[in-house]
Structures are given as C-alpha cells and as structure tokens.
Protein backbone atom coordinates (compact mmCIF):
# COMPACT_ATOMS: atom_id res chain seq x y z
CA UNK A 1 -1.73 -66.59 -20.10
CA UNK A 2 -4.40 -68.37 -22.13
CA UNK A 3 -4.48 -71.66 -23.97
CA UNK A 4 -3.20 -70.91 -27.49
CA UNK A 5 -5.99 -71.03 -30.03
CA UNK A 6 -5.42 -72.48 -33.49
CA UNK A 7 -1.83 -73.44 -32.72
CA UNK A 8 -0.23 -76.88 -32.71
CA UNK A 9 0.83 -76.77 -29.07
CA UNK A 10 1.25 -80.02 -27.11
CA UNK A 11 -1.51 -80.56 -24.57
CA UNK A 12 1.02 -81.15 -21.78
CA UNK A 13 2.66 -77.76 -22.44
CA UNK A 14 -0.30 -76.04 -20.82
CA UNK A 15 0.48 -77.32 -17.32
CA UNK A 16 0.18 -74.64 -14.66
CA UNK A 17 1.60 -74.26 -11.17
CA UNK A 18 -0.79 -73.88 -8.26
CA UNK A 19 0.06 -70.24 -7.59
CA UNK A 20 -0.19 -69.05 -11.19
CA UNK A 21 -3.34 -67.44 -12.56
CA UNK A 22 -4.16 -68.63 -16.08
CA UNK A 23 -6.28 -70.91 -18.21
CA UNK A 24 -4.57 -74.27 -18.47
CA UNK A 25 -4.89 -78.03 -18.44
CA UNK A 26 -4.74 -79.26 -14.86
CA UNK A 27 -3.47 -82.86 -14.68
CA UNK A 28 -3.23 -84.28 -11.19
CA UNK A 29 -3.52 -87.31 -8.95
CA UNK A 30 -4.24 -87.54 -5.22
CA UNK A 31 -2.92 -90.10 -2.78
CA UNK A 32 -3.50 -90.82 0.89
CA UNK A 33 -0.75 -89.74 3.29
CA UNK A 34 -0.28 -91.83 6.41
CA UNK A 35 2.88 -90.09 7.66
CA UNK A 36 3.10 -86.32 7.09
CA UNK A 37 6.63 -86.06 8.46
CA UNK A 38 7.84 -88.81 6.14
CA UNK A 39 6.30 -87.09 3.10
CA UNK A 40 7.93 -83.78 3.98
CA UNK A 41 11.28 -85.51 4.34
CA UNK A 42 10.83 -87.32 1.02
CA UNK A 43 9.89 -84.08 -0.75
CA UNK A 44 13.08 -82.44 0.46
CA UNK A 45 15.17 -85.46 -0.52
CA UNK A 46 13.71 -85.47 -4.04
CA UNK A 47 14.64 -81.83 -4.56
CA UNK A 48 11.26 -80.16 -4.22
CA UNK A 49 11.41 -76.47 -3.32
CA UNK A 50 9.06 -75.29 -0.58
CA UNK A 51 6.78 -72.59 -2.01
CA UNK A 52 4.20 -72.12 0.74
CA UNK A 53 4.43 -73.44 4.28
CA UNK A 54 1.33 -74.91 5.97
CA UNK A 55 -1.45 -72.37 5.28
CA UNK A 56 -5.18 -72.41 5.97
CA UNK A 57 -7.39 -72.60 2.90
CA UNK A 58 -11.15 -72.11 2.63
CA UNK A 59 -13.13 -72.92 -0.52
CA UNK A 60 -16.73 -72.23 -1.51
CA UNK A 61 -18.38 -73.79 -4.58
CA UNK A 62 -21.21 -71.91 -6.30
CA UNK A 63 -24.01 -73.24 -8.45
CA UNK A 64 -27.57 -72.52 -9.52
CA UNK A 65 -30.50 -73.94 -7.49
CA UNK A 66 -31.01 -76.66 -10.10
CA UNK A 67 -27.25 -77.46 -10.15
CA UNK A 68 -26.65 -76.48 -13.76
CA UNK A 69 -22.86 -76.41 -13.34
CA UNK A 70 -22.71 -79.80 -11.63
CA UNK A 71 -24.85 -81.31 -14.39
CA UNK A 72 -22.36 -79.96 -16.94
CA UNK A 73 -19.48 -81.31 -14.80
CA UNK A 74 -18.15 -77.82 -14.14
CA UNK A 75 -17.29 -75.97 -10.95
CA UNK A 76 -17.20 -72.30 -9.96
CA UNK A 77 -15.12 -71.66 -6.85
CA UNK A 78 -13.92 -68.85 -4.60
CA UNK A 79 -10.84 -69.71 -2.58
CA UNK A 80 -9.15 -67.95 0.32
CA UNK A 81 -5.55 -69.16 0.65
CA UNK A 82 -3.74 -67.18 3.30
CA UNK A 83 -4.10 -63.55 2.22
CA UNK A 84 -4.90 -64.45 -1.38
CA UNK A 85 -8.35 -64.85 -2.92
CA UNK A 86 -8.85 -66.55 -6.29
CA UNK A 87 -11.79 -67.33 -8.53
CA UNK A 88 -11.66 -70.58 -10.48
CA UNK A 89 -13.76 -72.23 -13.15
CA UNK A 90 -13.11 -75.87 -14.11
CA UNK A 91 -14.54 -77.89 -16.95
CA UNK A 92 -13.97 -81.24 -18.59
CA UNK A 93 -11.19 -81.53 -21.14
CA UNK A 94 -12.10 -82.38 -24.71
CA UNK A 95 -12.74 -86.05 -25.45
CA UNK A 96 -9.56 -87.94 -26.18
CA UNK A 97 -7.25 -85.41 -24.52
CA UNK A 98 -7.14 -86.96 -21.06
CA UNK A 99 -5.79 -90.13 -19.50
CA UNK A 100 -8.26 -91.90 -17.22
CA UNK A 101 -5.46 -92.63 -14.74
CA UNK A 102 -5.31 -88.93 -13.89
CA UNK A 103 -7.78 -86.19 -13.14
CA UNK A 104 -7.68 -83.75 -16.06
CA UNK A 105 -9.62 -80.50 -16.21
CA UNK A 106 -9.35 -77.22 -18.10
CA UNK A 107 -8.98 -74.58 -15.44
CA UNK A 108 -9.37 -70.82 -15.68
CA UNK A 109 -8.19 -68.98 -12.58
CA UNK A 110 -7.50 -65.40 -11.54
CA UNK A 111 -6.60 -63.50 -8.40
CA UNK A 112 -9.52 -61.48 -7.00
CA UNK A 113 -9.15 -58.22 -5.07
CA UNK A 114 -12.54 -58.40 -3.31
CA UNK A 115 -13.92 -61.91 -2.81
CA UNK A 116 -17.05 -60.68 -0.99
CA UNK A 117 -17.96 -58.42 -3.91
CA UNK A 118 -17.54 -61.26 -6.39
CA UNK A 119 -19.62 -63.56 -4.19
CA UNK A 120 -22.41 -60.98 -4.31
CA UNK A 121 -22.11 -60.81 -8.09
CA UNK A 122 -22.47 -64.60 -8.25
CA UNK A 123 -25.59 -64.37 -6.08
CA UNK A 124 -27.16 -61.73 -8.29
CA UNK A 125 -26.45 -63.91 -11.34
CA UNK A 126 -28.22 -66.84 -9.72
CA UNK A 127 -25.24 -68.76 -8.37
CA UNK A 128 -25.30 -69.37 -4.63
CA UNK A 129 -22.91 -71.20 -2.27
CA UNK A 130 -23.58 -74.95 -2.32
CA UNK A 131 -20.54 -76.55 -0.70
CA UNK A 132 -17.66 -75.42 1.51
CA UNK A 133 -14.44 -77.28 2.22
CA UNK A 134 -11.36 -76.43 4.25
CA UNK A 135 -7.81 -77.68 4.64
CA UNK A 136 -4.31 -76.72 5.61
CA UNK A 137 -2.14 -76.80 2.49
CA UNK A 138 1.64 -76.99 2.10
CA UNK A 139 3.05 -76.45 -1.38
CA UNK A 140 6.26 -77.53 -3.15
CA UNK A 141 7.57 -77.06 -6.68
CA UNK A 142 10.18 -78.51 -8.97
CA UNK A 143 10.84 -77.79 -12.64
CA UNK A 144 8.59 -80.55 -13.97
CA UNK A 145 5.63 -80.33 -11.61
CA UNK A 146 4.02 -79.55 -8.32
CA UNK A 147 3.33 -81.26 -4.99
CA UNK A 148 0.84 -80.19 -2.33
CA UNK A 149 0.00 -81.66 1.07
CA UNK A 150 -3.61 -81.18 2.19
CA UNK A 151 -4.60 -81.72 5.81
CA UNK A 152 -8.42 -81.93 5.80
CA UNK A 153 -10.96 -82.60 8.57
CA UNK A 154 -11.37 -86.19 7.31
CA UNK A 155 -7.80 -87.16 6.49
CA UNK A 156 -4.56 -86.16 4.81
CA UNK A 157 -3.94 -86.32 1.07
CA UNK A 158 -1.22 -85.16 -1.27
CA UNK A 159 -1.56 -84.12 -4.90
CA UNK A 160 0.95 -84.38 -7.70
CA UNK A 161 0.33 -82.09 -10.65
CA UNK A 162 2.28 -82.14 -13.87
CA UNK A 163 2.91 -84.24 -17.00
CA UNK A 164 1.76 -87.87 -16.61
CA UNK A 165 5.27 -89.31 -17.00
CA UNK A 166 6.52 -87.06 -14.22
CA UNK A 167 3.59 -87.99 -11.96
CA UNK A 168 4.32 -91.69 -12.51
CA UNK A 169 7.99 -91.14 -11.70
CA UNK A 170 7.19 -89.30 -8.46
CA UNK A 171 4.67 -91.96 -7.38
CA UNK A 172 7.37 -94.58 -7.79
CA UNK A 173 9.99 -92.56 -5.92
CA UNK A 174 7.52 -91.81 -3.11
CA UNK A 175 6.54 -95.51 -2.95
CA UNK A 176 2.82 -94.74 -3.40
CA UNK A 177 0.97 -98.00 -4.08
CA UNK A 178 -1.97 -97.99 -6.55
CA UNK A 179 -4.62 -98.57 -3.88
CA UNK A 180 -3.68 -95.26 -2.21
CA UNK A 181 -4.26 -93.21 -5.38
CA UNK A 182 -7.46 -91.46 -6.43
CA UNK A 183 -8.78 -89.01 -8.99
CA UNK A 184 -11.80 -88.09 -6.85
CA UNK A 185 -12.50 -84.53 -5.77
CA UNK A 186 -12.70 -83.56 -2.10
CA UNK A 187 -16.46 -83.31 -2.53
CA UNK A 188 -16.69 -86.95 -3.58
CA UNK A 189 -14.25 -88.04 -0.87
CA UNK A 190 -16.43 -86.22 1.64
CA UNK A 191 -19.57 -88.01 0.44
CA UNK A 192 -17.80 -91.36 0.74
CA UNK A 193 -16.70 -90.45 4.26
CA UNK A 194 -20.27 -89.49 5.19
CA UNK A 195 -21.56 -92.83 3.93
CA UNK A 196 -18.91 -94.71 5.89
CA UNK A 197 -19.34 -92.79 9.15
CA UNK A 198 -23.00 -91.79 9.09
CA UNK A 199 -22.03 -88.19 9.81
CA UNK A 200 -24.69 -85.50 9.37
CA UNK A 201 -22.10 -82.86 8.39
CA UNK A 202 -23.10 -80.86 5.30
CA UNK A 203 -19.73 -79.26 4.60
CA UNK A 204 -16.12 -80.35 4.82
CA UNK A 205 -15.14 -77.81 7.47
CA UNK A 206 -13.21 -78.32 10.69
CA UNK A 207 -15.82 -76.71 12.95
CA UNK A 208 -18.77 -78.35 11.20
CA UNK A 209 -17.39 -81.87 11.38
CA UNK A 210 -16.25 -81.40 14.98
CA UNK A 211 -19.73 -80.17 15.97
CA UNK A 212 -21.44 -83.15 14.31
CA UNK A 213 -19.03 -85.54 16.00
CA UNK A 214 -19.80 -83.97 19.38
CA UNK A 215 -23.56 -84.27 18.81
CA UNK A 216 -23.15 -87.91 17.80
CA UNK A 217 -21.12 -88.61 20.93
CA UNK A 218 -23.73 -86.99 23.18
CA UNK A 219 -26.46 -89.02 21.49
CA UNK A 220 -24.69 -92.31 22.20
CA UNK A 221 -24.34 -91.54 25.92
CA UNK A 222 -27.80 -90.03 26.44
CA UNK A 223 -30.04 -92.08 28.83
C-alpha cells in the first residue's frame, strides 16, 4: 500500500500497524514504564490483543560518512525482529501536517528476504552502519491503534501509535502523566543517557553497555 497521490484522503487515514509493510504516516508517542507487569495487565484490561510476545529486536541505522541522511532528518534502517527482517526509510512529514505533541514521520517499510545482501548494497552505495540499538519488544493491537513495550539496555518505554485523539485517550486510561511522555528517538534517549552516566558506550546494545559498565566498575576499584 502507498500513500494515495492526488486524492483528498485524510492524513490520519494513512496510519499503519507495526507489522504491516507500506508507506504511511507514523504518528506515535513514547512514555516511560516503571512497572512492566502493571502495563501488561492494563493492556489486557483495555482490550488490546497480543500480536507478538516478548521478542528480541536488533536495529542498524545506515548513513553516508558525512551524515547526509541525518542532516536531512531522515533514517535508513535494517531491523531484525524475531525471524523477520525489514528495511525502513523515514522522513519528516510535510510542514503543517504534524502535531508537535506527537512524533510524526512518513515511513516506507518492506520485508526483506536477505538482510545481509541489502546491507552490502547499502555499503556499495556509500551508506555504512552508524548506530545499532537493541531491545525486547512486545506488541499489542486494537482497532484504533497500536501499543508496544520496549525493554532496552537503558530502561523500559512503551509506544502508542495511532490517531492523536486515540493516543490521548489511551494516555488518560493508562494514567501516563505528561512528564513521562517523549517524542525523542532511541538514539536521542541514548545520547541523553550517556551524558547523564558518563558511559563510553557507542551503541545501544545489551552486550556493549554491559561491557562499558564492567570497565567503569574495574576502573573505580583499581589501586
């Protein structure tokens, strides 16, 4: 499915679900999760349908050496989610189409049969891996939108994706206060975490952050 061209289609009608492959407007909002069990219970009580149980996810962002995509506020990503591999491109929505309270991007995504082959194609085109991030993701759906729970090496977040009115309704029902909400990407959250902790980790991976934490601990106890 592609965004209709030259048709008077409401912007919110292009919402996608996480597992679908298409070009669509992605409207979402993250919030910090202090109690994973409580969120799972609340999701069930609100009528969310479990789509994917807790599954490991690995993501690699690609860019040119001079960061052309970042400068244009775009991303190019390969994602392994369980047995599935997807390629994703994200760009800014047109001016005036987004609400600053939510993160809104135009996303083009497709399932890939051979992620390694596509990674090599990116390399030959001048796009190399620049950032890797990992998490364990659980995924729920309901008719109006989508909920995911992301357990990362630096904390636990959830994301609501769907029409703004639905997101607002779910935030209220889940009792998510404004100070817990964010539109920042995991890359930006990682940079904030690095500033706060002084970690030397370069990627948001479980092994990488654990290794840096171990080195830091050894340094503090060294004679």
